[in-house]
Amino acid sequence: MSDVAKAGEPRRAQSESGLFSDDSSIADLRAKVGEAWGEFARQLGEVIPELPTDTTLDITLDPTASGTGEAVYGVQLRLSADAVMGTAVGNADLPPAYRLDRAAVAGLVALGWSPPGVVAGSGEAFGVHRDLSDAIEVAAIVSRTLRDVYAVPHPAFLTYVARGHDSHTSVCTPSLGAARPLTVSDDGTGAERTPTDDEAEDLDGEDLAADADSLPLADRVVTVVARLLRIDPVALTIDQDGDIGIRAGSAMVFVRVRENPPLIDVFSPVLTEIQPTQKLYAKLSELTNRMPIGRLYCTEDTVWASVPVFGRNFQASHLMLAVQVMTGLADELDDRLAGEFGGRRFFGEADRPAEPESTERTGMYL
């Protein structure tokens, strides 16, 4: 181990032996992301057969998170009485700078999509047609398409909306994992759901924890985070580790409750696929020393940021501040560190592999 790494070790070792004794579970980002996609696919497989006939379900990478502007990567499912027909965006519907390369097109075909025009009604998009009894298979195809072909890093970066046969009526849809539900606006497009007056009054309560003082710490944290995000607590994304996932710009922030000692850890994977070096350890140590609270550290190939909130005499305002600080910190640091040390941000269009200009395209129809 380098001298630089050793210089930062006492602070980290103290954390691992006490407050942060299970850092290894935090560090396994791939498993955490995999579980989120598994939950998304499972719930989608359950939802498809339950949707009314003639429902259209759009699942889309949120362009406000991806920075892709007019380029919209997504999948559409249309339900009939006994079948489901799906379409996946192809190059005909993408601006030149965002079109799929040969590998992505091959990936779509390998997953089971037929080229544009082969499946009746698919138009210029890739198509698939399956019996309704194959809903689980369709859900797996959709999930892998979004993750592997369209490079969606986590279901939290997805939005979905279900429309009735007239395209202007919202269809009530159960939760699809961490994906964010939309409602149909007056012009037929998807829009954020606006809380009712009663909901807004409840969400804007001055003391977010006043009605939860007698609840366990984990339940109080759920209440605070839900109100901070202005959603119902049951709609929060909580993974198998018990972590609450929050999308913040190009970053993901997780909130974990620890019971012994009572502590809330607000943490984020700032950068992945990075090569640890002495220079990186020195930079993280420098930035950590400049932080009034919290730390930056590297495990395997991932740089993490973490801010703790005391659970004893819990104050909702402290957690809210930690979440707000972390969302801003993660969204800023990923750009700064990526520029200096390489690696990949949790999500960033600039990190999407670019196709060499000399490579021949597969054709506009794809």
Protein backbone atom coordinates (compact mmCIF):
# COMPACT_ATOMS: atom_id res chain seq x y z
CA MET A 1 0.00 0.00 0.00
CA SER A 2 1.31 3.45 -0.86
CA ASP A 3 2.35 6.01 1.73
CA VAL A 4 -0.41 8.28 0.47
CA ALA A 5 -3.02 5.58 0.99
CA LYS A 6 -1.65 4.87 4.46
CA ALA A 7 -1.85 8.55 5.33
CA GLY A 8 -5.60 8.47 4.82
CA GLU A 9 -6.08 5.08 6.45
CA PRO A 10 -6.54 6.02 10.15
CA ARG A 11 -9.67 8.05 9.44
CA ARG A 12 -11.14 5.34 7.23
CA ALA A 13 -10.16 2.52 9.58
CA GLN A 14 -11.85 4.29 12.47
CA SER A 15 -15.02 4.58 10.40
CA GLU A 16 -15.02 0.93 9.34
CA SER A 17 -14.58 -0.32 12.89
CA GLY A 18 -17.49 1.74 14.18
CA LEU A 19 -19.97 3.90 12.35
CA PHE A 20 -19.35 2.46 8.89
CA SER A 21 -18.66 -1.18 9.71
CA ASP A 22 -20.51 -2.49 6.62
CA ASP A 23 -18.85 -0.38 3.93
CA SER A 24 -18.37 -3.54 1.88
CA SER A 25 -22.11 -3.66 1.17
CA ILE A 26 -22.08 -0.02 0.11
CA ALA A 27 -19.16 -0.64 -2.19
CA ASP A 28 -20.95 -3.37 -4.14
CA LEU A 29 -22.59 -0.92 -6.52
CA ARG A 30 -23.01 -3.46 -9.31
CA ALA A 31 -25.09 -5.71 -7.08
CA LYS A 32 -27.21 -2.77 -5.93
CA VAL A 33 -27.88 -1.66 -9.52
CA GLY A 34 -28.54 -5.25 -10.59
CA GLU A 35 -31.13 -5.68 -7.85
CA ALA A 36 -32.87 -2.47 -8.95
CA TRP A 37 -33.12 -3.71 -12.53
CA GLY A 38 -34.32 -7.11 -11.35
CA GLU A 39 -37.10 -5.47 -9.36
CA PHE A 40 -38.06 -3.30 -12.32
CA ALA A 41 -38.29 -6.33 -14.65
CA ARG A 42 -40.23 -8.36 -12.08
CA GLN A 43 -42.81 -5.65 -11.51
CA LEU A 44 -43.13 -4.93 -15.24
CA GLY A 45 -43.78 -8.62 -15.88
CA GLU A 46 -46.57 -8.52 -13.30
CA VAL A 47 -48.06 -5.25 -14.57
CA ILE A 48 -48.31 -6.09 -18.29
CA PRO A 49 -51.08 -8.74 -18.00
CA GLU A 50 -53.03 -6.53 -15.59
CA LEU A 51 -53.26 -3.50 -17.89
CA PRO A 52 -56.59 -2.93 -19.65
CA THR A 53 -56.91 -3.87 -23.32
CA ASP A 54 -55.83 -1.05 -25.69
CA THR A 55 -53.49 0.46 -23.09
CA THR A 56 -50.21 1.97 -24.35
CA LEU A 57 -47.31 2.01 -21.91
CA ASP A 58 -44.34 4.28 -22.68
CA ILE A 59 -41.08 3.74 -20.76
CA THR A 60 -38.46 6.37 -21.50
CA LEU A 61 -35.00 7.47 -20.45
CA ASP A 62 -35.62 10.88 -18.91
CA PRO A 63 -33.88 13.35 -21.29
CA THR A 64 -33.63 15.92 -18.49
CA ALA A 65 -31.32 13.51 -16.66
CA SER A 66 -29.41 12.19 -19.65
CA GLY A 67 -28.76 15.51 -21.35
CA THR A 68 -29.78 14.00 -24.68
CA GLY A 69 -32.11 16.87 -25.57
CA GLU A 70 -34.37 15.86 -28.46
CA ALA A 71 -32.99 12.33 -28.52
CA VAL A 72 -35.47 10.13 -26.66
CA TYR A 73 -34.53 6.51 -25.97
CA GLY A 74 -37.47 4.40 -24.98
CA VAL A 75 -39.78 1.44 -25.43
CA GLN A 76 -43.52 1.41 -26.05
CA LEU A 77 -45.84 -1.50 -25.24
CA ARG A 78 -49.35 -1.79 -26.68
CA LEU A 79 -51.77 -4.26 -25.11
CA SER A 80 -54.49 -6.18 -26.94
CA ALA A 81 -56.85 -8.81 -25.55
CA ASP A 82 -54.31 -11.64 -25.79
CA ALA A 83 -51.02 -10.13 -26.98
CA VAL A 84 -48.48 -7.38 -26.40
CA MET A 85 -46.72 -5.52 -29.19
CA GLY A 86 -43.58 -3.56 -28.36
CA THR A 87 -41.50 -1.03 -30.23
CA ALA A 88 -38.00 0.21 -29.43
CA VAL A 89 -36.57 3.47 -30.74
CA GLY A 90 -34.27 3.09 -33.75
CA ASN A 91 -32.04 5.46 -35.69
CA ALA A 92 -34.83 6.85 -37.84
CA ASP A 93 -36.21 8.60 -34.73
CA LEU A 94 -32.85 9.78 -33.34
CA PRO A 95 -30.79 12.87 -34.23
CA PRO A 96 -27.54 12.04 -36.12
CA ALA A 97 -25.31 12.61 -33.09
CA TYR A 98 -27.29 10.14 -30.96
CA ARG A 99 -27.91 7.27 -33.35
CA LEU A 100 -27.15 3.69 -32.38
CA ASP A 101 -23.92 2.11 -33.61
CA ARG A 102 -23.55 -1.38 -35.07
CA ALA A 103 -23.05 -2.99 -31.66
CA ALA A 104 -26.25 -1.44 -30.28
CA VAL A 105 -28.28 -2.50 -33.32
CA ALA A 106 -26.90 -6.02 -33.04
CA GLY A 107 -27.78 -5.96 -29.36
CA LEU A 108 -31.42 -5.14 -30.12
CA VAL A 109 -31.69 -8.03 -32.59
CA ALA A 110 -29.99 -10.42 -30.16
CA LEU A 111 -32.53 -9.52 -27.48
CA GLY A 112 -35.39 -10.51 -29.78
CA TRP A 113 -36.34 -7.28 -31.55
CA SER A 114 -37.16 -7.49 -35.25
CA PRO A 115 -35.78 -4.78 -37.59
CA PRO A 116 -38.07 -1.84 -38.41
CA GLY A 117 -41.02 -2.74 -40.61
CA VAL A 118 -40.92 -6.49 -39.95
CA VAL A 119 -43.51 -6.54 -37.16
CA ALA A 120 -46.83 -5.11 -38.36
CA GLY A 121 -47.38 -1.64 -36.94
CA SER A 122 -43.79 -1.09 -35.80
CA GLY A 123 -43.15 1.59 -38.42
CA GLU A 124 -39.54 2.83 -38.28
CA ALA A 125 -38.92 1.33 -34.84
CA PHE A 126 -37.73 -2.14 -33.86
CA GLY A 127 -40.64 -4.42 -33.04
CA VAL A 128 -41.57 -7.46 -31.01
CA HIS A 129 -44.88 -9.33 -30.75
CA ARG A 130 -45.63 -11.86 -28.03
CA ASP A 131 -48.62 -13.55 -26.44
CA LEU A 132 -49.78 -11.95 -23.22
CA SER A 133 -48.75 -15.15 -21.45
CA ASP A 134 -45.14 -14.26 -22.32
CA ALA A 135 -45.25 -11.06 -20.25
CA ILE A 136 -42.25 -12.08 -18.14
CA GLU A 137 -40.16 -12.62 -21.28
CA VAL A 138 -41.27 -9.26 -22.68
CA ALA A 139 -40.36 -7.55 -19.40
CA ALA A 140 -36.88 -9.09 -19.53
CA ILE A 141 -36.40 -7.89 -23.13
CA VAL A 142 -37.50 -4.37 -22.22
CA SER A 143 -35.32 -4.23 -19.11
CA ARG A 144 -32.18 -5.42 -20.91
CA THR A 145 -32.87 -3.09 -23.84
CA LEU A 146 -33.04 -0.06 -21.60
CA ARG A 147 -30.01 -1.08 -19.56
CA ASP A 148 -27.69 -2.70 -22.10
CA VAL A 149 -28.57 -0.95 -25.37
CA TYR A 150 -29.80 2.49 -24.32
CA ALA A 151 -27.26 2.65 -21.45
CA VAL A 152 -29.74 3.63 -18.72
CA PRO A 153 -27.65 3.27 -15.53
CA HIS A 154 -30.51 2.71 -13.07
CA PRO A 155 -34.32 2.45 -13.30
CA ALA A 156 -34.54 5.73 -11.36
CA PHE A 157 -33.57 7.47 -14.62
CA LEU A 158 -36.70 6.14 -16.33
CA THR A 159 -40.15 7.67 -16.58
CA TYR A 160 -43.30 5.83 -17.59
CA VAL A 161 -46.86 6.73 -18.50
CA ALA A 162 -49.85 4.53 -19.44
CA ARG A 163 -52.51 5.86 -21.80
CA GLY A 164 -55.98 4.58 -22.63
CA HIS A 165 -57.30 3.90 -26.11
CA ASP A 166 -57.87 7.62 -26.81
CA SER A 167 -54.23 8.51 -25.90
CA HIS A 168 -55.41 11.35 -23.65
CA THR A 169 -56.53 9.34 -20.64
CA SER A 170 -54.16 8.16 -17.93
CA VAL A 171 -54.35 4.52 -16.91
CA CYS A 172 -53.56 3.76 -13.29
CA THR A 173 -50.37 1.71 -13.25
CA PRO A 174 -48.73 -0.04 -10.28
CA SER A 175 -45.17 0.88 -9.40
CA LEU A 176 -42.40 -0.12 -11.79
CA GLY A 177 -39.48 -0.31 -9.40
CA ALA A 178 -37.50 2.91 -9.18
CA ALA A 179 -38.92 4.35 -12.42
CA ARG A 180 -40.86 7.60 -12.02
CA PRO A 181 -44.55 7.60 -13.03
CA LEU A 182 -46.01 10.42 -15.12
CA THR A 183 -49.57 11.37 -15.91
CA VAL A 184 -51.09 12.30 -19.27
CA SER A 185 -51.30 16.06 -19.79
CA ASP A 186 -53.93 17.91 -21.81
CA ASP A 187 -51.83 17.70 -24.99
CA GLY A 188 -51.38 13.93 -24.62
CA THR A 189 -47.78 14.04 -23.45
CA GLY A 190 -46.42 12.75 -20.16
CA ALA A 191 -46.21 15.24 -17.29
CA GLU A 192 -45.28 15.22 -13.64
CA ARG A 193 -48.16 14.43 -11.36
CA THR A 194 -49.33 17.50 -9.42
CA PRO A 195 -50.26 16.85 -5.78
CA THR A 196 -53.81 17.68 -4.76
CA ASP A 197 -54.36 20.63 -2.40
CA ASP A 198 -54.71 18.27 0.57
CA GLU A 199 -51.54 16.39 -0.41
CA ALA A 200 -49.60 19.61 -0.94
CA GLU A 201 -50.62 20.88 2.49
CA ASP A 202 -49.51 17.59 4.05
CA LEU A 203 -46.21 17.55 2.15
CA ASP A 204 -45.41 21.11 3.15
CA GLY A 205 -45.90 20.54 6.87
CA GLU A 206 -43.50 22.67 8.91
CA ASP A 207 -42.35 19.89 11.22
CA LEU A 208 -41.71 16.89 8.99
CA ALA A 209 -41.06 14.54 11.88
CA ALA A 210 -43.60 15.82 14.40
CA ASP A 211 -46.13 13.15 13.50
CA ALA A 212 -43.53 10.38 13.57
CA ASP A 213 -41.71 10.91 16.87
CA SER A 214 -42.90 7.58 18.23
CA LEU A 215 -41.88 5.62 15.11
CA PRO A 216 -38.61 3.72 14.64
CA LEU A 217 -35.78 5.72 13.12
CA ALA A 218 -36.10 4.00 9.73
CA ASP A 219 -39.79 4.94 9.45
CA ARG A 220 -39.06 8.53 10.42
CA VAL A 221 -36.39 8.76 7.75
CA VAL A 222 -38.81 7.40 5.15
CA THR A 223 -41.34 10.06 6.17
CA VAL A 224 -38.81 12.89 5.84
CA VAL A 225 -37.36 11.76 2.51
CA ALA A 226 -40.82 11.21 1.02
CA ARG A 227 -41.94 14.68 1.99
CA LEU A 228 -38.69 16.16 0.75
CA LEU A 229 -39.33 14.53 -2.64
CA ARG A 230 -43.04 15.41 -2.45
CA ILE A 231 -44.21 11.82 -2.96
CA ASP A 232 -46.15 9.27 -0.95
CA PRO A 233 -43.86 7.22 1.34
CA VAL A 234 -45.06 3.96 -0.28
CA ALA A 235 -43.74 5.26 -3.62
CA LEU A 236 -40.17 5.54 -2.34
CA THR A 237 -37.57 3.28 -3.93
CA ILE A 238 -36.08 1.06 -1.20
CA ASP A 239 -33.69 -1.70 -2.30
CA GLN A 240 -32.89 -5.03 -0.65
CA ASP A 241 -30.23 -3.36 1.51
CA GLY A 242 -32.90 -1.05 2.90
CA ASP A 243 -31.36 1.94 1.10
CA ILE A 244 -33.58 4.69 -0.29
CA GLY A 245 -32.49 5.68 -3.81
CA ILE A 246 -32.76 9.29 -5.01
CA ARG A 247 -31.87 10.47 -8.50
CA ALA A 248 -30.03 13.81 -8.53
CA GLY A 249 -29.08 15.16 -11.94
CA SER A 250 -26.45 12.78 -13.31
CA ALA A 251 -25.90 11.21 -9.88
CA MET A 252 -27.60 8.68 -7.61
CA VAL A 253 -27.85 9.34 -3.87
CA PHE A 254 -28.69 6.61 -1.34
CA VAL A 255 -29.96 7.01 2.22
CA ARG A 256 -29.21 4.18 4.67
CA VAL A 257 -30.37 3.88 8.28
CA ARG A 258 -28.11 2.22 10.85
CA GLU A 259 -29.51 1.20 14.22
CA ASN A 260 -26.35 0.65 16.27
CA PRO A 261 -25.30 3.33 16.75
CA PRO A 262 -28.31 5.31 15.45
CA LEU A 263 -27.04 6.94 12.27
CA ILE A 264 -28.27 7.90 8.81
CA ASP A 265 -25.68 7.63 6.06
CA VAL A 266 -26.28 9.70 2.93
CA PHE A 267 -23.90 8.44 0.25
CA SER A 268 -23.37 8.50 -3.51
CA PRO A 269 -21.20 6.70 -6.08
CA VAL A 270 -19.44 9.74 -7.53
CA LEU A 271 -17.35 7.94 -10.15
CA THR A 272 -17.06 4.34 -11.37
CA GLU A 273 -14.61 2.36 -13.52
CA ILE A 274 -11.73 4.42 -12.18
CA GLN A 275 -8.13 3.28 -11.71
CA PRO A 276 -7.00 3.98 -8.11
CA THR A 277 -3.66 5.82 -7.99
CA GLN A 278 -1.61 7.65 -5.40
CA LYS A 279 -2.67 10.91 -7.03
CA LEU A 280 -6.34 9.96 -6.67
CA TYR A 281 -5.97 9.01 -3.00
CA ALA A 282 -4.18 12.31 -2.35
CA LYS A 283 -6.96 14.26 -4.10
CA LEU A 284 -9.70 12.49 -2.14
CA SER A 285 -7.83 13.13 1.12
CA GLU A 286 -7.46 16.81 0.22
CA LEU A 287 -11.15 17.18 -0.64
CA THR A 288 -12.23 15.27 2.49
CA ASN A 289 -10.14 17.54 4.71
CA ARG A 290 -11.92 20.54 3.18
CA MET A 291 -15.37 19.11 3.88
CA PRO A 292 -16.93 20.30 7.18
CA ILE A 293 -18.49 16.85 7.57
CA GLY A 294 -18.38 13.63 5.58
CA ARG A 295 -15.72 11.98 3.50
CA LEU A 296 -14.65 10.86 0.02
CA TYR A 297 -13.10 7.44 -0.43
CA CYS A 298 -12.32 4.85 -3.12
CA THR A 299 -13.19 1.15 -2.92
CA GLU A 300 -12.18 -1.09 -5.81
CA ASP A 301 -13.01 1.01 -8.89
CA THR A 302 -15.62 3.36 -7.37
CA VAL A 303 -15.26 6.75 -5.67
CA TRP A 304 -17.90 7.35 -2.99
CA ALA A 305 -19.03 10.44 -1.10
CA SER A 306 -20.67 10.04 2.30
CA VAL A 307 -22.30 12.45 4.77
CA PRO A 308 -23.55 11.10 8.14
CA VAL A 309 -26.55 12.36 10.11
CA PHE A 310 -26.91 11.47 13.80
CA GLY A 311 -29.93 9.31 14.56
CA ARG A 312 -30.02 10.02 18.28
CA ASN A 313 -32.18 13.12 18.91
CA PHE A 314 -33.00 12.96 15.21
CA GLN A 315 -33.73 16.27 13.48
CA ALA A 316 -35.56 16.18 10.14
CA SER A 317 -33.88 19.41 9.04
CA HIS A 318 -30.43 17.80 9.42
CA LEU A 319 -31.35 14.95 7.10
CA MET A 320 -32.90 17.30 4.57
CA LEU A 321 -29.73 19.40 4.55
CA ALA A 322 -27.53 16.31 4.14
CA VAL A 323 -29.57 15.09 1.16
CA GLN A 324 -29.49 18.52 -0.47
CA VAL A 325 -25.73 18.85 0.11
CA MET A 326 -25.02 15.37 -1.23
CA THR A 327 -27.11 15.82 -4.39
CA GLY A 328 -25.23 19.00 -5.22
CA LEU A 329 -21.85 17.57 -4.19
CA ALA A 330 -22.19 14.38 -6.21
CA ASP A 331 -23.43 16.19 -9.30
CA GLU A 332 -20.46 18.58 -9.14
CA LEU A 333 -17.66 16.21 -8.11
CA ASP A 334 -18.35 13.61 -10.78
CA ASP A 335 -17.52 16.15 -13.50
CA ARG A 336 -14.44 17.48 -11.71
CA LEU A 337 -12.92 14.09 -10.87
CA ALA A 338 -13.77 12.55 -14.24
CA GLY A 339 -11.94 15.37 -15.98
CA GLU A 340 -8.82 14.75 -13.91
CA PHE A 341 -8.81 10.98 -13.36
CA GLY A 342 -11.08 9.50 -16.02
CA GLY A 343 -13.66 6.87 -15.14
CA ARG A 344 -17.39 7.14 -15.66
CA ARG A 345 -20.01 9.23 -13.94
CA PHE A 346 -23.00 7.26 -12.69
CA PHE A 347 -24.79 8.75 -15.65
CA GLY A 348 -23.56 11.22 -18.21
CA GLU A 349 -24.10 11.44 -21.96
CA ALA A 350 -20.50 12.56 -22.36
CA ASP A 351 -19.44 9.14 -21.08
CA ARG A 352 -21.41 7.26 -23.73
CA PRO A 353 -18.86 5.61 -26.07
CA ALA A 354 -18.63 7.53 -29.31
CA GLU A 355 -18.55 5.73 -32.63
CA PRO A 356 -15.49 6.61 -34.74
CA GLU A 357 -16.33 8.88 -37.65
CA SER A 358 -14.82 6.39 -40.08
CA THR A 359 -17.15 3.57 -39.01
CA GLU A 360 -19.86 2.83 -41.53
CA ARG A 361 -23.40 3.28 -40.22
CA THR A 362 -25.91 0.47 -40.54
CA GLY A 363 -28.49 2.60 -42.32
CA MET A 364 -31.12 5.17 -41.48
CA TYR A 365 -33.90 2.58 -41.24
CA LEU A 366 -32.13 0.98 -38.29
